[in-house]
Amino acid sequence: VLAFAYQTADGAPLRGKLSAGFSLVDDHDRTLFIVYND
């Protein structure tokens, strides 16, 4: 499980739709895969 902690700028609940994505990059700067929740 990859865990990503976040915080809004003013600390208030976020209004709107939040999407997150991450990718894994090897030591040759090759992006191996990308995962987005949307």
PDB file of all heavy atoms in Angstrom:
ATOM      1  N   VAL A   1       0.853  -1.184   0.000  1.00  0.00           N
ATOM      2  CA  VAL A   1       0.000   0.000   0.000  1.00  0.00           C
ATOM      3  C   VAL A   1       0.892   1.238   0.000  1.00  0.00           C
ATOM      4  O   VAL A   1       1.759   1.380   0.872  1.00  0.00           O
ATOM      5  CB  VAL A   1      -0.929   0.017   1.235  1.00  0.00           C
ATOM      6  CG1 VAL A   1      -1.752   1.293   1.256  1.00  0.00           C
ATOM      7  CG2 VAL A   1      -1.833  -1.208   1.237  1.00  0.00           C
ATOM      8  N   LEU A   2       0.696   2.112  -0.972  1.00  0.00           N
ATOM      9  CA  LEU A   2       1.425   3.372  -1.034  1.00  0.00           C
ATOM     10  C   LEU A   2       0.558   4.449  -0.396  1.00  0.00           C
ATOM     11  O   LEU A   2      -0.624   4.612  -0.768  1.00  0.00           O
ATOM     12  CB  LEU A   2       1.755   3.767  -2.476  1.00  0.00           C
ATOM     13  CG  LEU A   2       3.009   3.102  -3.063  1.00  0.00           C
ATOM     14  CD1 LEU A   2       2.800   1.610  -3.254  1.00  0.00           C
ATOM     15  CD2 LEU A   2       3.404   3.740  -4.381  1.00  0.00           C
ATOM     16  N   ALA A   3       1.087   5.137   0.601  1.00  0.00           N
ATOM     17  CA  ALA A   3       0.338   6.128   1.374  1.00  0.00           C
ATOM     18  C   ALA A   3       0.881   7.529   1.089  1.00  0.00           C
ATOM     19  O   ALA A   3       2.092   7.739   1.137  1.00  0.00           O
ATOM     20  CB  ALA A   3       0.415   5.809   2.860  1.00  0.00           C
ATOM     21  N   PHE A   4      -0.043   8.467   0.799  1.00  0.00           N
ATOM     22  CA  PHE A   4       0.335   9.836   0.472  1.00  0.00           C
ATOM     23  C   PHE A   4      -0.414  10.781   1.400  1.00  0.00           C
ATOM     24  O   PHE A   4      -1.638  10.917   1.307  1.00  0.00           O
ATOM     25  CB  PHE A   4      -0.022  10.165  -0.985  1.00  0.00           C
ATOM     26  CG  PHE A   4       0.505   9.174  -1.985  1.00  0.00           C
ATOM     27  CD1 PHE A   4      -0.256   8.075  -2.371  1.00  0.00           C
ATOM     28  CD2 PHE A   4       1.767   9.343  -2.540  1.00  0.00           C
ATOM     29  CE1 PHE A   4       0.228   7.155  -3.292  1.00  0.00           C
ATOM     30  CE2 PHE A   4       2.259   8.434  -3.466  1.00  0.00           C
ATOM     31  CZ  PHE A   4       1.491   7.338  -3.841  1.00  0.00           C
ATOM     32  N   ALA A   5       0.302  11.412   2.318  1.00  0.00           N
ATOM     33  CA  ALA A   5      -0.318  12.381   3.220  1.00  0.00           C
ATOM     34  C   ALA A   5      -0.470  13.709   2.492  1.00  0.00           C
ATOM     35  O   ALA A   5       0.391  14.115   1.708  1.00  0.00           O
ATOM     36  CB  ALA A   5       0.536  12.549   4.469  1.00  0.00           C
ATOM     37  N   TYR A   6      -1.598  14.391   2.750  1.00  0.00           N
ATOM     38  CA  TYR A   6      -1.852  15.684   2.094  1.00  0.00           C
ATOM     39  C   TYR A   6      -2.401  16.674   3.109  1.00  0.00           C
ATOM     40  O   TYR A   6      -2.858  16.310   4.204  1.00  0.00           O
ATOM     41  CB  TYR A   6      -2.853  15.504   0.947  1.00  0.00           C
ATOM     42  CG  TYR A   6      -4.260  15.218   1.425  1.00  0.00           C
ATOM     43  CD1 TYR A   6      -5.151  16.256   1.735  1.00  0.00           C
ATOM     44  CD2 TYR A   6      -4.703  13.908   1.605  1.00  0.00           C
ATOM     45  CE1 TYR A   6      -6.426  15.995   2.208  1.00  0.00           C
ATOM     46  CE2 TYR A   6      -5.970  13.630   2.073  1.00  0.00           C
ATOM     47  CZ  TYR A   6      -6.836  14.687   2.383  1.00  0.00           C
ATOM     48  OH  TYR A   6      -8.090  14.436   2.864  1.00  0.00           O
ATOM     49  N   GLN A   7      -2.393  17.945   2.717  1.00  0.00           N
ATOM     50  CA  GLN A   7      -2.975  19.004   3.544  1.00  0.00           C
ATOM     51  C   GLN A   7      -3.400  20.145   2.633  1.00  0.00           C
ATOM     52  O   GLN A   7      -2.660  20.525   1.713  1.00  0.00           O
ATOM     53  CB  GLN A   7      -1.969  19.514   4.578  1.00  0.00           C
ATOM     54  CG  GLN A   7      -2.521  20.596   5.490  1.00  0.00           C
ATOM     55  CD  GLN A   7      -1.522  21.000   6.577  1.00  0.00           C
ATOM     56  OE1 GLN A   7      -0.613  20.230   6.888  1.00  0.00           O
ATOM     57  NE2 GLN A   7      -1.685  22.179   7.138  1.00  0.00           N
ATOM     58  N   THR A   8      -4.595  20.678   2.884  1.00  0.00           N
ATOM     59  CA  THR A   8      -5.041  21.818   2.097  1.00  0.00           C
ATOM     60  C   THR A   8      -4.292  23.070   2.540  1.00  0.00           C
ATOM     61  O   THR A   8      -3.728  23.122   3.637  1.00  0.00           O
ATOM     62  CB  THR A   8      -6.555  22.036   2.251  1.00  0.00           C
ATOM     63  OG1 THR A   8      -6.860  22.235   3.634  1.00  0.00           O
ATOM     64  CG2 THR A   8      -7.320  20.826   1.732  1.00  0.00           C
ATOM     65  N   ALA A   9      -4.306  24.086   1.683  1.00  0.00           N
ATOM     66  CA  ALA A   9      -3.516  25.295   1.947  1.00  0.00           C
ATOM     67  C   ALA A   9      -3.971  26.007   3.209  1.00  0.00           C
ATOM     68  O   ALA A   9      -3.149  26.504   3.998  1.00  0.00           O
ATOM     69  CB  ALA A   9      -3.608  26.235   0.747  1.00  0.00           C
ATOM     70  N   ASP A  10      -5.285  26.081   3.445  1.00  0.00           N
ATOM     71  CA  ASP A  10      -5.792  26.807   4.612  1.00  0.00           C
ATOM     72  C   ASP A  10      -6.250  25.888   5.726  1.00  0.00           C
ATOM     73  O   ASP A  10      -6.762  26.337   6.753  1.00  0.00           O
ATOM     74  CB  ASP A  10      -6.948  27.728   4.201  1.00  0.00           C
ATOM     75  CG  ASP A  10      -8.070  26.966   3.490  1.00  0.00           C
ATOM     76  OD1 ASP A  10      -7.985  25.720   3.443  1.00  0.00           O
ATOM     77  OD2 ASP A  10      -9.004  27.608   2.988  1.00  0.00           O
ATOM     78  N   GLY A  11      -6.085  24.588   5.541  1.00  0.00           N
ATOM     79  CA  GLY A  11      -6.484  23.636   6.569  1.00  0.00           C
ATOM     80  C   GLY A  11      -7.964  23.326   6.578  1.00  0.00           C
ATOM     81  O   GLY A  11      -8.417  22.477   7.347  1.00  0.00           O
ATOM     82  N   ALA A  12      -8.725  24.016   5.727  1.00  0.00           N
ATOM     83  CA  ALA A  12     -10.175  23.797   5.667  1.00  0.00           C
ATOM     84  C   ALA A  12     -10.483  22.633   4.731  1.00  0.00           C
ATOM     85  O   ALA A  12      -9.670  22.280   3.870  1.00  0.00           O
ATOM     86  CB  ALA A  12     -10.872  25.065   5.183  1.00  0.00           C
ATOM     87  N   PRO A  13     -11.647  22.012   4.865  1.00  0.00           N
ATOM     88  CA  PRO A  13     -12.022  20.936   3.947  1.00  0.00           C
ATOM     89  C   PRO A  13     -11.971  21.413   2.499  1.00  0.00           C
ATOM     90  O   PRO A  13     -12.269  22.576   2.199  1.00  0.00           O
ATOM     91  CB  PRO A  13     -13.452  20.580   4.375  1.00  0.00           C
ATOM     92  CG  PRO A  13     -13.512  20.967   5.822  1.00  0.00           C
ATOM     93  CD  PRO A  13     -12.660  22.199   5.936  1.00  0.00           C
ATOM     94  N   LEU A  14     -11.595  20.522   1.640  1.00  0.00           N
ATOM     95  CA  LEU A  14     -11.417  20.864   0.227  1.00  0.00           C
ATOM     96  C   LEU A  14     -12.755  20.783  -0.502  1.00  0.00           C
ATOM     97  O   LEU A  14     -13.470  19.780  -0.397  1.00  0.00           O
ATOM     98  CB  LEU A  14     -10.422  19.898  -0.416  1.00  0.00           C
ATOM     99  CG  LEU A  14     -10.032  20.171  -1.860  1.00  0.00           C
ATOM    100  CD1 LEU A  14      -9.202  21.442  -1.961  1.00  0.00           C
ATOM    101  CD2 LEU A  14      -9.265  18.992  -2.425  1.00  0.00           C
ATOM    102  N   ARG A  15     -13.082  21.853  -1.232  1.00  0.00           N
ATOM    103  CA  ARG A  15     -14.293  21.864  -2.041  1.00  0.00           C
ATOM    104  C   ARG A  15     -13.910  21.527  -3.470  1.00  0.00           C
ATOM    105  O   ARG A  15     -13.074  22.184  -4.061  1.00  0.00           O
ATOM    106  CB  ARG A  15     -14.968  23.231  -1.996  1.00  0.00           C
ATOM    107  CG  ARG A  15     -15.340  23.703  -0.604  1.00  0.00           C
ATOM    108  CD  ARG A  15     -16.237  22.695   0.111  1.00  0.00           C
ATOM    109  NE  ARG A  15     -16.508  23.088   1.503  1.00  0.00           N
ATOM    110  CZ  ARG A  15     -17.106  22.304   2.374  1.00  0.00           C
ATOM    111  NH1 ARG A  15     -17.454  21.079   2.011  1.00  0.00           N
ATOM    112  NH2 ARG A  15     -17.321  22.700   3.611  1.00  0.00           N
ATOM    113  N   GLY A  16     -14.502  20.482  -4.007  1.00  0.00           N
ATOM    114  CA  GLY A  16     -14.168  20.068  -5.352  1.00  0.00           C
ATOM    115  C   GLY A  16     -13.745  18.612  -5.372  1.00  0.00           C
ATOM    116  O   GLY A  16     -13.662  17.936  -4.336  1.00  0.00           O
ATOM    117  N   LYS A  17     -13.467  18.129  -6.564  1.00  0.00           N
ATOM    118  CA  LYS A  17     -13.070  16.739  -6.755  1.00  0.00           C
ATOM    119  C   LYS A  17     -11.543  16.617  -6.756  1.00  0.00           C
ATOM    120  O   LYS A  17     -10.874  17.297  -7.533  1.00  0.00           O
ATOM    121  CB  LYS A  17     -13.634  16.204  -8.064  1.00  0.00           C
ATOM    122  CG  LYS A  17     -15.153  16.106  -8.070  1.00  0.00           C
ATOM    123  CD  LYS A  17     -15.660  15.509  -9.385  1.00  0.00           C
ATOM    124  CE  LYS A  17     -17.193  15.380  -9.363  1.00  0.00           C
ATOM    125  NZ  LYS A  17     -17.702  14.800 -10.631  1.00  0.00           N
ATOM    126  N   LEU A  18     -11.051  15.778  -5.863  1.00  0.00           N
ATOM    127  CA  LEU A  18      -9.603  15.579  -5.726  1.00  0.00           C
ATOM    128  C   LEU A  18      -9.189  14.315  -6.473  1.00  0.00           C
ATOM    129  O   LEU A  18      -9.753  13.241  -6.261  1.00  0.00           O
ATOM    130  CB  LEU A  18      -9.230  15.440  -4.253  1.00  0.00           C
ATOM    131  CG  LEU A  18      -7.760  15.108  -3.951  1.00  0.00           C
ATOM    132  CD1 LEU A  18      -6.835  16.240  -4.384  1.00  0.00           C
ATOM    133  CD2 LEU A  18      -7.570  14.795  -2.470  1.00  0.00           C
ATOM    134  N   SER A  19      -8.232  14.462  -7.361  1.00  0.00           N
ATOM    135  CA  SER A  19      -7.642  13.286  -8.012  1.00  0.00           C
ATOM    136  C   SER A  19      -6.152  13.275  -7.697  1.00  0.00           C
ATOM    137  O   SER A  19      -5.513  14.328  -7.546  1.00  0.00           O
ATOM    138  CB  SER A  19      -7.879  13.310  -9.522  1.00  0.00           C
ATOM    139  OG  SER A  19      -7.158  14.361 -10.131  1.00  0.00           O
ATOM    140  N   ALA A  20      -5.620  12.074  -7.589  1.00  0.00           N
ATOM    141  CA  ALA A  20      -4.200  11.913  -7.270  1.00  0.00           C
ATOM    142  C   ALA A  20      -3.604  10.882  -8.202  1.00  0.00           C
ATOM    143  O   ALA A  20      -4.283   9.962  -8.665  1.00  0.00           O
ATOM    144  CB  ALA A  20      -4.026  11.484  -5.816  1.00  0.00           C
ATOM    145  N   GLY A  21      -2.344  11.051  -8.487  1.00  0.00           N
ATOM    146  CA  GLY A  21      -1.652  10.086  -9.319  1.00  0.00           C
ATOM    147  C   GLY A  21      -0.194   9.975  -8.916  1.00  0.00           C
ATOM    148  O   GLY A  21       0.366  10.891  -8.311  1.00  0.00           O
ATOM    149  N   PHE A  22       0.392   8.830  -9.201  1.00  0.00           N
ATOM    150  CA  PHE A  22       1.815   8.677  -8.944  1.00  0.00           C
ATOM    151  C   PHE A  22       2.414   7.813 -10.037  1.00  0.00           C
ATOM    152  O   PHE A  22       1.709   7.081 -10.749  1.00  0.00           O
ATOM    153  CB  PHE A  22       2.074   8.067  -7.559  1.00  0.00           C
ATOM    154  CG  PHE A  22       1.664   6.628  -7.438  1.00  0.00           C
ATOM    155  CD1 PHE A  22       2.557   5.600  -7.746  1.00  0.00           C
ATOM    156  CD2 PHE A  22       0.382   6.295  -7.016  1.00  0.00           C
ATOM    157  CE1 PHE A  22       2.184   4.276  -7.630  1.00  0.00           C
ATOM    158  CE2 PHE A  22      -0.003   4.960  -6.910  1.00  0.00           C
ATOM    159  CZ  PHE A  22       0.897   3.945  -7.220  1.00  0.00           C
ATOM    160  N   SER A  23       3.712   7.903 -10.175  1.00  0.00           N
ATOM    161  CA  SER A  23       4.440   7.069 -11.130  1.00  0.00           C
ATOM    162  C   SER A  23       5.715   6.589 -10.472  1.00  0.00           C
ATOM    163  O   SER A  23       6.211   7.197  -9.509  1.00  0.00           O
ATOM    164  CB  SER A  23       4.753   7.836 -12.420  1.00  0.00           C
ATOM    165  OG  SER A  23       5.581   8.961 -12.137  1.00  0.00           O
ATOM    166  N   LEU A  24       6.251   5.488 -10.980  1.00  0.00           N
ATOM    167  CA  LEU A  24       7.525   4.959 -10.504  1.00  0.00           C
ATOM    168  C   LEU A  24       8.548   5.121 -11.606  1.00  0.00           C
ATOM    169  O   LEU A  24       8.309   4.730 -12.762  1.00  0.00           O
ATOM    170  CB  LEU A  24       7.389   3.486 -10.109  1.00  0.00           C
ATOM    171  CG  LEU A  24       6.470   3.192  -8.931  1.00  0.00           C
ATOM    172  CD1 LEU A  24       6.553   1.729  -8.544  1.00  0.00           C
ATOM    173  CD2 LEU A  24       6.787   4.065  -7.740  1.00  0.00           C
ATOM    174  N   VAL A  25       9.701   5.677 -11.243  1.00  0.00           N
ATOM    175  CA  VAL A  25      10.757   6.001 -12.202  1.00  0.00           C
ATOM    176  C   VAL A  25      12.019   5.259 -11.795  1.00  0.00           C
ATOM    177  O   VAL A  25      12.410   5.277 -10.616  1.00  0.00           O
ATOM    178  CB  VAL A  25      11.020   7.525 -12.232  1.00  0.00           C
ATOM    179  CG1 VAL A  25      12.084   7.868 -13.264  1.00  0.00           C
ATOM    180  CG2 VAL A  25       9.730   8.280 -12.520  1.00  0.00           C
ATOM    181  N   ASP A  26      12.667   4.568 -12.755  1.00  0.00           N
ATOM    182  CA  ASP A  26      13.877   3.824 -12.420  1.00  0.00           C
ATOM    183  C   ASP A  26      15.095   4.742 -12.472  1.00  0.00           C
ATOM    184  O   ASP A  26      14.985   5.947 -12.723  1.00  0.00           O
ATOM    185  CB  ASP A  26      14.050   2.609 -13.329  1.00  0.00           C
ATOM    186  CG  ASP A  26      14.313   2.972 -14.784  1.00  0.00           C
ATOM    187  OD1 ASP A  26      14.579   4.157 -15.082  1.00  0.00           O
ATOM    188  OD2 ASP A  26      14.260   2.068 -15.636  1.00  0.00           O
ATOM    189  N   ASP A  27      16.288   4.155 -12.234  1.00  0.00           N
ATOM    190  CA  ASP A  27      17.487   4.982 -12.159  1.00  0.00           C
ATOM    191  C   ASP A  27      17.977   5.450 -13.528  1.00  0.00           C
ATOM    192  O   ASP A  27      18.980   6.156 -13.625  1.00  0.00           O
ATOM    193  CB  ASP A  27      18.611   4.250 -11.412  1.00  0.00           C
ATOM    194  CG  ASP A  27      18.923   2.892 -12.014  1.00  0.00           C
ATOM    195  OD1 ASP A  27      18.332   2.539 -13.058  1.00  0.00           O
ATOM    196  OD2 ASP A  27      19.753   2.172 -11.440  1.00  0.00           O
ATOM    197  N   HIS A  28      17.277   5.036 -14.599  1.00  0.00           N
ATOM    198  CA  HIS A  28      17.563   5.555 -15.941  1.00  0.00           C
ATOM    199  C   HIS A  28      16.544   6.607 -16.354  1.00  0.00           C
ATOM    200  O   HIS A  28      16.448   6.952 -17.527  1.00  0.00           O
ATOM    201  CB  HIS A  28      17.563   4.406 -16.966  1.00  0.00           C
ATOM    202  CG  HIS A  28      18.598   3.360 -16.703  1.00  0.00           C
ATOM    203  ND1 HIS A  28      19.953   3.608 -16.848  1.00  0.00           N
ATOM    204  CD2 HIS A  28      18.473   2.071 -16.285  1.00  0.00           C
ATOM    205  CE1 HIS A  28      20.620   2.497 -16.539  1.00  0.00           C
ATOM    206  NE2 HIS A  28      19.752   1.563 -16.191  1.00  0.00           N
ATOM    207  N   ASP A  29      15.765   7.109 -15.361  1.00  0.00           N
ATOM    208  CA  ASP A  29      14.710   8.108 -15.588  1.00  0.00           C
ATOM    209  C   ASP A  29      13.619   7.609 -16.522  1.00  0.00           C
ATOM    210  O   ASP A  29      12.977   8.391 -17.228  1.00  0.00           O
ATOM    211  CB  ASP A  29      15.301   9.424 -16.114  1.00  0.00           C
ATOM    212  CG  ASP A  29      15.985  10.230 -15.018  1.00  0.00           C
ATOM    213  OD1 ASP A  29      15.543  10.114 -13.859  1.00  0.00           O
ATOM    214  OD2 ASP A  29      16.957  10.938 -15.305  1.00  0.00           O
ATOM    215  N   ARG A  30      13.395   6.299 -16.536  1.00  0.00           N
ATOM    216  CA  ARG A  30      12.296   5.736 -17.315  1.00  0.00           C
ATOM    217  C   ARG A  30      11.077   5.578 -16.411  1.00  0.00           C
ATOM    218  O   ARG A  30      11.166   4.984 -15.344  1.00  0.00           O
ATOM    219  CB  ARG A  30      12.672   4.371 -17.888  1.00  0.00           C
ATOM    220  CG  ARG A  30      13.813   4.392 -18.886  1.00  0.00           C
ATOM    221  CD  ARG A  30      14.139   2.987 -19.361  1.00  0.00           C
ATOM    222  NE  ARG A  30      14.551   2.127 -18.257  1.00  0.00           N
ATOM    223  CZ  ARG A  30      14.953   0.864 -18.395  1.00  0.00           C
ATOM    224  NH1 ARG A  30      14.978   0.318 -19.600  1.00  0.00           N
ATOM    225  NH2 ARG A  30      15.326   0.155 -17.345  1.00  0.00           N
ATOM    226  N   THR A  31       9.942   6.134 -16.853  1.00  0.00           N
ATOM    227  CA  THR A  31       8.705   5.956 -16.116  1.00  0.00           C
ATOM    228  C   THR A  31       8.145   4.574 -16.408  1.00  0.00           C
ATOM    229  O   THR A  31       7.842   4.249 -17.560  1.00  0.00           O
ATOM    230  CB  THR A  31       7.678   7.032 -16.512  1.00  0.00           C
ATOM    231  OG1 THR A  31       8.218   8.323 -16.210  1.00  0.00           O
ATOM    232  CG2 THR A  31       6.378   6.846 -15.743  1.00  0.00           C
ATOM    233  N   LEU A  32       8.011   3.745 -15.372  1.00  0.00           N
ATOM    234  CA  LEU A  32       7.624   2.348 -15.565  1.00  0.00           C
ATOM    235  C   LEU A  32       6.110   2.165 -15.568  1.00  0.00           C
ATOM    236  O   LEU A  32       5.590   1.353 -16.328  1.00  0.00           O
ATOM    237  CB  LEU A  32       8.270   1.481 -14.495  1.00  0.00           C
ATOM    238  CG  LEU A  32       9.806   1.511 -14.498  1.00  0.00           C
ATOM    239  CD1 LEU A  32      10.355   0.659 -13.371  1.00  0.00           C
ATOM    240  CD2 LEU A  32      10.362   1.036 -15.827  1.00  0.00           C
ATOM    241  N   PHE A  33       5.425   2.866 -14.674  1.00  0.00           N
ATOM    242  CA  PHE A  33       3.965   2.870 -14.780  1.00  0.00           C
ATOM    243  C   PHE A  33       3.399   4.068 -14.030  1.00  0.00           C
ATOM    244  O   PHE A  33       4.063   4.689 -13.199  1.00  0.00           O
ATOM    245  CB  PHE A  33       3.326   1.556 -14.317  1.00  0.00           C
ATOM    246  CG  PHE A  33       3.542   1.198 -12.874  1.00  0.00           C
ATOM    247  CD1 PHE A  33       2.914   1.881 -11.849  1.00  0.00           C
ATOM    248  CD2 PHE A  33       4.350   0.121 -12.532  1.00  0.00           C
ATOM    249  CE1 PHE A  33       3.098   1.529 -10.526  1.00  0.00           C
ATOM    250  CE2 PHE A  33       4.535  -0.249 -11.217  1.00  0.00           C
ATOM    251  CZ  PHE A  33       3.913   0.466 -10.214  1.00  0.00           C
ATOM    252  N   ILE A  34       2.147   4.411 -14.382  1.00  0.00           N
ATOM    253  CA  ILE A  34       1.438   5.546 -13.798  1.00  0.00           C
ATOM    254  C   ILE A  34       0.098   5.053 -13.277  1.00  0.00           C
ATOM    255  O   ILE A  34      -0.582   4.273 -13.937  1.00  0.00           O
ATOM    256  CB  ILE A  34       1.219   6.665 -14.844  1.00  0.00           C
ATOM    257  CG1 ILE A  34       2.555   7.151 -15.407  1.00  0.00           C
ATOM    258  CG2 ILE A  34       0.448   7.833 -14.229  1.00  0.00           C
ATOM    259  CD1 ILE A  34       2.412   8.128 -16.553  1.00  0.00           C
ATOM    260  N   VAL A  35      -0.287   5.515 -12.099  1.00  0.00           N
ATOM    261  CA  VAL A  35      -1.563   5.144 -11.498  1.00  0.00           C
ATOM    262  C   VAL A  35      -2.302   6.414 -11.076  1.00  0.00           C
ATOM    263  O   VAL A  35      -1.734   7.242 -10.355  1.00  0.00           O
ATOM    264  CB  VAL A  35      -1.368   4.225 -10.275  1.00  0.00           C
ATOM    265  CG1 VAL A  35      -2.719   3.852  -9.672  1.00  0.00           C
ATOM    266  CG2 VAL A  35      -0.591   2.973 -10.648  1.00  0.00           C
ATOM    267  N   TYR A  36      -3.542   6.596 -11.546  1.00  0.00           N
ATOM    268  CA  TYR A  36      -4.403   7.718 -11.156  1.00  0.00           C
ATOM    269  C   TYR A  36      -5.708   7.157 -10.612  1.00  0.00           C
ATOM    270  O   TYR A  36      -6.243   6.166 -11.147  1.00  0.00           O
ATOM    271  CB  TYR A  36      -4.724   8.620 -12.349  1.00  0.00           C
ATOM    272  CG  TYR A  36      -3.691   9.696 -12.636  1.00  0.00           C
ATOM    273  CD1 TYR A  36      -2.611   9.429 -13.454  1.00  0.00           C
ATOM    274  CD2 TYR A  36      -3.831  10.970 -12.091  1.00  0.00           C
ATOM    275  CE1 TYR A  36      -1.673  10.408 -13.735  1.00  0.00           C
ATOM    276  CE2 TYR A  36      -2.897  11.963 -12.364  1.00  0.00           C
ATOM    277  CZ  TYR A  36      -1.816  11.674 -13.187  1.00  0.00           C
ATOM    278  OH  TYR A  36      -0.891  12.650 -13.450  1.00  0.00           O
ATOM    279  N   ASN A  37      -6.246   7.806  -9.605  1.00  0.00           N
ATOM    280  CA  ASN A  37      -7.522   7.325  -9.073  1.00  0.00           C
ATOM    281  C   ASN A  37      -8.682   7.634 -10.021  1.00  0.00           C
ATOM    282  O   ASN A  37      -9.697   6.945 -10.004  1.00  0.00           O
ATOM    283  CB  ASN A  37      -7.803   7.898  -7.679  1.00  0.00           C
ATOM    284  CG  ASN A  37      -7.942   9.400  -7.674  1.00  0.00           C
ATOM    285  OD1 ASN A  37      -7.339  10.083  -8.496  1.00  0.00           O
ATOM    286  ND2 ASN A  37      -8.732   9.934  -6.747  1.00  0.00           N
ATOM    287  N   ASP A  38      -8.547   8.643 -10.897  1.00  0.00           N
ATOM    288  CA  ASP A  38      -9.649   8.910 -11.815  1.00  0.00           C
ATOM    289  C   ASP A  38      -9.678   7.915 -12.984  1.00  0.00           C
ATOM    290  O   ASP A  38     -10.678   7.810 -13.690  1.00  0.00           O
ATOM    291  CB  ASP A  38      -9.615  10.352 -12.339  1.00  0.00           C
ATOM    292  CG  ASP A  38      -8.332  10.711 -13.052  1.00  0.00           C
ATOM    293  OD1 ASP A  38      -7.411   9.871 -13.063  1.00  0.00           O
ATOM    294  OD2 ASP A  38      -8.240  11.828 -13.590  1.00  0.00           O
TER     295      ASP A  38
END
